[in-house]
C-alpha atoms as a PDB file:
ATOM      1  CA  UNK A   1      67.302   0.646-117.293  1.00  0.00           C
ATOM      2  CA  UNK A   2      64.777   1.641-119.931  1.00  0.00           C
ATOM      3  CA  UNK A   3      62.645  -0.214-122.387  1.00  0.00           C
ATOM      4  CA  UNK A   4      61.002   0.975-125.590  1.00  0.00           C
ATOM      5  CA  UNK A   5      57.558  -0.408-126.376  1.00  0.00           C
ATOM      6  CA  UNK A   6      55.785  -0.224-129.716  1.00  0.00           C
ATOM      7  CA  UNK A   7      52.128  -1.154-129.517  1.00  0.00           C
ATOM      8  CA  UNK A   8      51.778  -2.837-132.894  1.00  0.00           C
ATOM      9  CA  UNK A   9      50.006  -6.081-132.000  1.00  0.00           C
ATOM     10  CA  UNK A  10      47.456  -7.025-134.653  1.00  0.00           C
ATOM     11  CA  UNK A  11      44.354  -8.700-133.256  1.00  0.00           C
ATOM     12  CA  UNK A  12      41.684 -10.646-135.125  1.00  0.00           C
ATOM     13  CA  UNK A  13      39.505  -8.304-137.102  1.00  0.00           C
ATOM     14  CA  UNK A  14      42.054  -5.488-137.135  1.00  0.00           C
ATOM     15  CA  UNK A  15      43.746  -4.163-140.253  1.00  0.00           C
ATOM     16  CA  UNK A  16      47.548  -4.485-140.397  1.00  0.00           C
ATOM     17  CA  UNK A  17      49.574  -1.281-140.333  1.00  0.00           C
ATOM     18  CA  UNK A  18      50.533  -0.131-143.827  1.00  0.00           C
ATOM     19  CA  UNK A  19      53.313   2.403-144.332  1.00  0.00           C
ATOM     20  CA  UNK A  20      52.041   5.599-145.914  1.00  0.00           C
ATOM     21  CA  UNK A  21      54.377   8.382-147.109  1.00  0.00           C
ATOM     22  CA  UNK A  22      51.883  10.935-145.767  1.00  0.00           C
ATOM     23  CA  UNK A  23      52.120   9.547-142.239  1.00  0.00           C
ATOM     24  CA  UNK A  24      54.424  10.915-139.555  1.00  0.00           C
ATOM     25  CA  UNK A  25      54.966  10.750-135.802  1.00  0.00           C
ATOM     26  CA  UNK A  26      53.007  13.122-133.561  1.00  0.00           C
ATOM     27  CA  UNK A  27      52.811  13.540-129.793  1.00  0.00           C
ATOM     28  CA  UNK A  28      49.528  13.544-127.888  1.00  0.00           C
ATOM     29  CA  UNK A  29      48.952  14.517-124.287  1.00  0.00           C
ATOM     30  CA  UNK A  30      46.889  12.155-122.149  1.00  0.00           C
ATOM     31  CA  UNK A  31      45.153  12.352-118.804  1.00  0.00           C
ATOM     32  CA  UNK A  32      46.945  11.439-115.584  1.00  0.00           C
ATOM     33  CA  UNK A  33      48.170   7.820-115.698  1.00  0.00           C
ATOM     34  CA  UNK A  34      46.118   7.143-118.840  1.00  0.00           C
ATOM     35  CA  UNK A  35      48.991   6.525-121.241  1.00  0.00           C
ATOM     36  CA  UNK A  36      48.772   2.723-121.583  1.00  0.00           C
ATOM     37  CA  UNK A  37      44.972   2.589-121.756  1.00  0.00           C
ATOM     38  CA  UNK A  38      44.875   5.376-124.369  1.00  0.00           C
ATOM     39  CA  UNK A  39      47.577   3.611-126.398  1.00  0.00           C
ATOM     40  CA  UNK A  40      45.570   0.370-126.411  1.00  0.00           C
ATOM     41  CA  UNK A  41      42.359   2.196-127.361  1.00  0.00           C
ATOM     42  CA  UNK A  42      44.096   3.920-130.292  1.00  0.00           C
ATOM     43  CA  UNK A  43      45.475   0.609-131.536  1.00  0.00           C
ATOM     44  CA  UNK A  44      41.961  -0.855-131.421  1.00  0.00           C
ATOM     45  CA  UNK A  45      40.950   2.007-133.725  1.00  0.00           C
ATOM     46  CA  UNK A  46      43.696   1.023-136.182  1.00  0.00           C
ATOM     47  CA  UNK A  47      46.367   3.550-135.228  1.00  0.00           C
ATOM     48  CA  UNK A  48      50.041   2.800-134.574  1.00  0.00           C
ATOM     49  CA  UNK A  49      51.325   4.054-131.243  1.00  0.00           C
ATOM     50  CA  UNK A  50      54.623   4.200-129.380  1.00  0.00           C
ATOM     51  CA  UNK A  51      54.741   4.462-125.600  1.00  0.00           C
ATOM     52  CA  UNK A  52      58.353   4.620-124.328  1.00  0.00           C
ATOM     53  CA  UNK A  53      58.705   2.901-120.944  1.00  0.00           C
ATOM     54  CA  UNK A  54      61.273   3.112-118.163  1.00  0.00           C
ATOM     55  CA  UNK A  55      61.874   0.603-115.387  1.00  0.00           C
ATOM     56  CA  UNK A  56      62.011   2.183-111.942  1.00  0.00           C
ATOM     57  CA  UNK A  57      62.313   0.797-108.435  1.00  0.00           C
ATOM     58  CA  UNK A  58      59.380   1.964-106.316  1.00  0.00           C
ATOM     59  CA  UNK A  59      59.644   1.810-102.538  1.00  0.00           C
ATOM     60  CA  UNK A  60      56.699   0.967-100.291  1.00  0.00           C
ATOM     61  CA  UNK A  61      56.792   0.636 -96.512  1.00  0.00           C
ATOM     62  CA  UNK A  62      57.129  -3.148 -96.676  1.00  0.00           C
ATOM     63  CA  UNK A  63      58.657  -3.870-100.087  1.00  0.00           C
ATOM     64  CA  UNK A  64      60.480  -2.648-103.170  1.00  0.00           C
ATOM     65  CA  UNK A  65      59.237  -3.409-106.653  1.00  0.00           C
ATOM     66  CA  UNK A  66      60.556  -2.862-110.194  1.00  0.00           C
ATOM     67  CA  UNK A  67      57.795  -1.222-112.229  1.00  0.00           C
ATOM     68  CA  UNK A  68      57.471   0.090-115.761  1.00  0.00           C
ATOM     69  CA  UNK A  69      56.465   3.735-116.086  1.00  0.00           C
ATOM     70  CA  UNK A  70      56.105   6.035-119.109  1.00  0.00           C
ATOM     71  CA  UNK A  71      59.392   7.716-119.982  1.00  0.00           C
ATOM     72  CA  UNK A  72      57.480  10.913-120.812  1.00  0.00           C
ATOM     73  CA  UNK A  73      54.738  11.231-118.214  1.00  0.00           C
ATOM     74  CA  UNK A  74      51.421  12.214-119.761  1.00  0.00           C
ATOM     75  CA  UNK A  75      52.469  11.758-123.398  1.00  0.00           C
ATOM     76  CA  UNK A  76      52.589   9.082-126.086  1.00  0.00           C
ATOM     77  CA  UNK A  77      53.396   9.042-129.789  1.00  0.00           C
ATOM     78  CA  UNK A  78      51.106   8.363-132.708  1.00  0.00           C
ATOM     79  CA  UNK A  79      52.092   7.506-136.294  1.00  0.00           C
ATOM     80  CA  UNK A  80      49.301   8.495-138.639  1.00  0.00           C
ATOM     81  CA  UNK A  81      48.169  10.629-141.567  1.00  0.00           C
ATOM     82  CA  UNK A  82      46.966  13.964-140.127  1.00  0.00           C
ATOM     83  CA  UNK A  83      43.670  14.201-142.001  1.00  0.00           C
ATOM     84  CA  UNK A  84      40.746  15.963-140.330  1.00  0.00           C
ATOM     85  CA  UNK A  85      38.892  12.662-140.016  1.00  0.00           C
ATOM     86  CA  UNK A  86      41.841  10.974-138.314  1.00  0.00           C
ATOM     87  CA  UNK A  87      42.404  13.898-135.951  1.00  0.00           C
ATOM     88  CA  UNK A  88      38.757  13.871-134.880  1.00  0.00           C
ATOM     89  CA  UNK A  89      38.916  10.092-134.386  1.00  0.00           C
ATOM     90  CA  UNK A  90      41.989  10.471-132.160  1.00  0.00           C
ATOM     91  CA  UNK A  91      40.601  13.385-130.139  1.00  0.00           C
ATOM     92  CA  UNK A  92      37.363  11.474-129.493  1.00  0.00           C
ATOM     93  CA  UNK A  93      39.377   8.757-127.717  1.00  0.00           C
ATOM     94  CA  UNK A  94      38.763   8.781-123.967  1.00  0.00           C
ATOM     95  CA  UNK A  95      41.822  10.091-122.111  1.00  0.00           C
ATOM     96  CA  UNK A  96      43.225  12.193-124.968  1.00  0.00           C
ATOM     97  CA  UNK A  97      43.799  15.816-123.947  1.00  0.00           C
ATOM     98  CA  UNK A  98      45.272  17.346-127.109  1.00  0.00           C
ATOM     99  CA  UNK A  99      47.825  17.106-129.875  1.00  0.00           C
ATOM    100  CA  UNK A 100      51.121  18.868-129.261  1.00  0.00           C
ATOM    101  CA  UNK A 101      51.381  21.847-131.573  1.00  0.00           C
ATOM    102  CA  UNK A 102      47.735  22.820-131.276  1.00  0.00           C
ATOM    103  CA  UNK A 103      44.628  20.809-132.145  1.00  0.00           C
ATOM    104  CA  UNK A 104      44.317  22.576-135.492  1.00  0.00           C
ATOM    105  CA  UNK A 105      47.914  22.045-136.596  1.00  0.00           C
ATOM    106  CA  UNK A 106      49.771  19.232-134.796  1.00  0.00           C
ATOM    107  CA  UNK A 107      53.498  19.362-135.527  1.00  0.00           C
ATOM    108  CA  UNK A 108      55.336  16.233-136.758  1.00  0.00           C
ATOM    109  CA  UNK A 109      58.267  14.679-134.924  1.00  0.00           C
ATOM    110  CA  UNK A 110      61.238  13.504-136.961  1.00  0.00           C
ATOM    111  CA  UNK A 111      62.021   9.788-137.255  1.00  0.00           C
ATOM    112  CA  UNK A 112      65.534  10.651-136.017  1.00  0.00           C
ATOM    113  CA  UNK A 113      64.186  11.760-132.627  1.00  0.00           C
ATOM    114  CA  UNK A 114      61.874   8.752-132.241  1.00  0.00           C
ATOM    115  CA  UNK A 115      64.671   6.348-133.175  1.00  0.00           C
ATOM    116  CA  UNK A 116      67.048   8.000-130.693  1.00  0.00           C
ATOM    117  CA  UNK A 117      64.544   7.473-127.868  1.00  0.00           C
ATOM    118  CA  UNK A 118      63.837   3.890-128.958  1.00  0.00           C
ATOM    119  CA  UNK A 119      67.515   2.927-129.167  1.00  0.00           C
ATOM    120  CA  UNK A 120      68.424   4.620-125.903  1.00  0.00           C
ATOM    121  CA  UNK A 121      65.644   2.958-123.921  1.00  0.00           C
ATOM    122  CA  UNK A 122      66.248  -0.378-125.615  1.00  0.00           C
ATOM    123  CA  UNK A 123      69.945  -0.419-124.741  1.00  0.00           C
ATOM    124  CA  UNK A 124      71.577  -1.742-121.585  1.00  0.00           C
ATOM    125  CA  UNK A 125      72.579   1.793-120.543  1.00  0.00           C
ATOM    126  CA  UNK A 126      70.880   2.974-117.304  1.00  0.00           C
ATOM    127  CA  UNK A 127      68.279   5.637-118.127  1.00  0.00           C
ATOM    128  CA  UNK A 128      66.323   8.088-115.979  1.00  0.00           C
ATOM    129  CA  UNK A 129      63.674  10.702-116.547  1.00  0.00           C
ATOM    130  CA  UNK A 130      64.820  14.305-116.390  1.00  0.00           C
ATOM    131  CA  UNK A 131      63.715  17.782-117.358  1.00  0.00           C
ATOM    132  CA  UNK A 132      64.798  18.929-120.798  1.00  0.00           C
ATOM    133  CA  UNK A 133      67.794  21.212-120.337  1.00  0.00           C
ATOM    134  CA  UNK A 134      69.069  24.205-122.251  1.00  0.00           C
ATOM    135  CA  UNK A 135      70.538  22.708-125.428  1.00  0.00           C
ATOM    136  CA  UNK A 136      74.267  22.077-125.208  1.00  0.00           C
ATOM    137  CA  UNK A 137      76.676  20.566-127.672  1.00  0.00           C
ATOM    138  CA  UNK A 138      75.062  18.183-130.142  1.00  0.00           C
ATOM    139  CA  UNK A 139      77.058  14.942-130.075  1.00  0.00           C
ATOM    140  CA  UNK A 140      76.976  11.457-131.554  1.00  0.00           C
ATOM    141  CA  UNK A 141      77.955   8.365-129.586  1.00  0.00           C
ATOM    142  CA  UNK A 142      80.845   6.649-131.385  1.00  0.00           C
ATOM    143  CA  UNK A 143      81.010   3.311-129.570  1.00  0.00           C
ATOM    144  CA  UNK A 144      79.192   1.091-127.138  1.00  0.00           C
ATOM    145  CA  UNK A 145      75.489   0.091-127.122  1.00  0.00           C
ATOM    146  CA  UNK A 146      74.412   3.625-128.070  1.00  0.00           C
ATOM    147  CA  UNK A 147      76.796   4.033-131.026  1.00  0.00           C
ATOM    148  CA  UNK A 148      75.223   6.314-133.619  1.00  0.00           C
ATOM    149  CA  UNK A 149      72.642   7.882-131.282  1.00  0.00           C
ATOM    150  CA  UNK A 150      72.633  11.688-131.259  1.00  0.00           C
ATOM    151  CA  UNK A 151      71.771  13.909-128.317  1.00  0.00           C
ATOM    152  CA  UNK A 152      73.016  16.838-126.283  1.00  0.00           C
ATOM    153  CA  UNK A 153      75.561  16.760-123.524  1.00  0.00           C
ATOM    154  CA  UNK A 154      74.803  17.830-119.983  1.00  0.00           C
ATOM    155  CA  UNK A 155      76.294  17.339-116.555  1.00  0.00           C
ATOM    156  CA  UNK A 156      73.898  16.108-113.881  1.00  0.00           C
ATOM    157  CA  UNK A 157      75.292  15.599-110.371  1.00  0.00           C
ATOM    158  CA  UNK A 158      78.849  15.646-111.751  1.00  0.00           C
ATOM    159  CA  UNK A 159      78.102  12.819-114.201  1.00  0.00           C
ATOM    160  CA  UNK A 160      78.247  13.226-117.969  1.00  0.00           C
ATOM    161  CA  UNK A 161      74.853  12.441-119.494  1.00  0.00           C
ATOM    162  CA  UNK A 162      73.475  12.219-123.026  1.00  0.00           C
ATOM    163  CA  UNK A 163      70.154  14.058-123.171  1.00  0.00           C
ATOM    164  CA  UNK A 164      67.695  12.656-125.741  1.00  0.00           C
ATOM    165  CA  UNK A 165      64.720  14.971-126.221  1.00  0.00           C
ATOM    166  CA  UNK A 166      61.468  15.065-128.138  1.00  0.00           C
ATOM    167  CA  UNK A 167      61.237  18.597-129.452  1.00  0.00           C
ATOM    168  CA  UNK A 168      57.492  19.224-129.038  1.00  0.00           C
ATOM    169  CA  UNK A 169      57.435  19.013-125.245  1.00  0.00           C
ATOM    170  CA  UNK A 170      59.779  19.882-122.405  1.00  0.00           C
ATOM    171  CA  UNK A 171      60.735  16.431-121.167  1.00  0.00           C
ATOM    172  CA  UNK A 172      63.722  14.235-121.935  1.00  0.00           C
ATOM    173  CA  UNK A 173      65.546  11.054-121.013  1.00  0.00           C
ATOM    174  CA  UNK A 174      69.225  10.867-120.104  1.00  0.00           C
ATOM    175  CA  UNK A 175      71.828   8.123-120.311  1.00  0.00           C
ATOM    176  CA  UNK A 176      75.237   7.966-118.610  1.00  0.00           C
ATOM    177  CA  UNK A 177      78.243   8.374-120.908  1.00  0.00           C
ATOM    178  CA  UNK A 178      82.007   8.651-120.986  1.00  0.00           C
ATOM    179  CA  UNK A 179      83.376  11.733-122.729  1.00  0.00           C
ATOM    180  CA  UNK A 180      85.708   9.511-124.787  1.00  0.00           C
ATOM    181  CA  UNK A 181      82.656   7.776-126.330  1.00  0.00           C
ATOM    182  CA  UNK A 182      81.191  10.838-128.075  1.00  0.00           C
ATOM    183  CA  UNK A 183      82.125  13.312-130.765  1.00  0.00           C
ATOM    184  CA  UNK A 184      80.635  16.674-131.711  1.00  0.00           C
ATOM    185  CA  UNK A 185      78.555  16.751-134.903  1.00  0.00           C
ATOM    186  CA  UNK A 186      77.104  19.511-137.053  1.00  0.00           C
ATOM    187  CA  UNK A 187      73.673  20.509-135.775  1.00  0.00           C
ATOM    188  CA  UNK A 188      71.690  19.371-138.822  1.00  0.00           C
ATOM    189  CA  UNK A 189      68.995  17.675-136.723  1.00  0.00           C
ATOM    190  CA  UNK A 190      67.466  20.990-135.698  1.00  0.00           C
ATOM    191  CA  UNK A 191      67.621  22.433-139.221  1.00  0.00           C
ATOM    192  CA  UNK A 192      66.038  19.365-140.823  1.00  0.00           C
ATOM    193  CA  UNK A 193      63.347  19.155-138.176  1.00  0.00           C
ATOM    194  CA  UNK A 194      62.532  22.856-138.441  1.00  0.00           C
ATOM    195  CA  UNK A 195      62.071  22.541-142.211  1.00  0.00           C
ATOM    196  CA  UNK A 196      59.878  19.455-141.830  1.00  0.00           C
ATOM    197  CA  UNK A 197      57.798  21.051-139.063  1.00  0.00           C
ATOM    198  CA  UNK A 198      57.337  24.298-140.960  1.00  0.00           C
ATOM    199  CA  UNK A 199      56.054  22.451-144.027  1.00  0.00           C
ATOM    200  CA  UNK A 200      53.344  20.917-141.881  1.00  0.00           C
ATOM    201  CA  UNK A 201      52.362  24.077-139.986  1.00  0.00           C
ATOM    202  CA  UNK A 202      50.717  27.313-141.114  1.00  0.00           C
ATOM    203  CA  UNK A 203      52.947  30.363-141.309  1.00  0.00           C
ATOM    204  CA  UNK A 204      51.221  31.923-138.300  1.00  0.00           C
ATOM    205  CA  UNK A 205      52.382  28.997-136.128  1.00  0.00           C
ATOM    206  CA  UNK A 206      55.914  28.427-137.417  1.00  0.00           C
ATOM    207  CA  UNK A 207      57.523  30.123-134.462  1.00  0.00           C
ATOM    208  CA  UNK A 208      55.788  27.669-132.135  1.00  0.00           C
ATOM    209  CA  UNK A 209      56.624  24.666-134.318  1.00  0.00           C
ATOM    210  CA  UNK A 210      60.396  25.085-134.270  1.00  0.00           C
ATOM    211  CA  UNK A 211      62.642  22.593-132.566  1.00  0.00           C
ATOM    212  CA  UNK A 212      62.882  24.275-129.181  1.00  0.00           C
ATOM    213  CA  UNK A 213      60.741  27.439-129.179  1.00  0.00           C
ATOM    214  CA  UNK A 214      57.105  27.231-128.088  1.00  0.00           C
ATOM    215  CA  UNK A 215      54.682  29.685-126.557  1.00  0.00           C
ATOM    216  CA  UNK A 216      54.167  29.084-122.805  1.00  0.00           C
ATOM    217  CA  UNK A 217      50.378  29.064-123.139  1.00  0.00           C
ATOM    218  CA  UNK A 218      50.495  26.198-125.655  1.00  0.00           C
ATOM    219  CA  UNK A 219      52.957  23.970-123.831  1.00  0.00           C
ATOM    220  CA  UNK A 220      52.969  24.444-120.045  1.00  0.00           C
END
């Protein structure tokens, strides 16, 4: 089972988050097992973060325990206006490795993708971490707790799964589905996201900022 967590707590002395049309979601890479600490530090600086969490059973020699782990290991999401001052402020945060898309031109993530992850993890559908697969048929769930969520179909160990990906890095989450609960949809998500990403990236980087195509040296 998964759980989506938005770190939006406002503490005394902090400014409330104000929606800004120039703001968008971006992904940042963190150090090993630094995701929650980095998220808290960014919030203390006035940024809005989103750290998707999964619940997993971990086995020790003497006990089993249900623990929360990041759905995308080594990454979290940041909603902010990508000014030079803000980028420097983020990159100066201890535990931040880089922005996805390149430190000089981070690429935005569509609200559609963030909402799909949030709804999937917040549902009662069992979720697991998995590698992002070669894109298959884009589908929309038509009924059940995930109705309206879009993703791509894949078969993992003979089970039908809905793959929900974040386009700027090669990780994904998957949820179990019945074939009768989905329908194929026109692939507008990729087109819309490509257009949005290209507007925010210089022409020399547009190939890397597309929905699924990145240079290996930028995104290992």
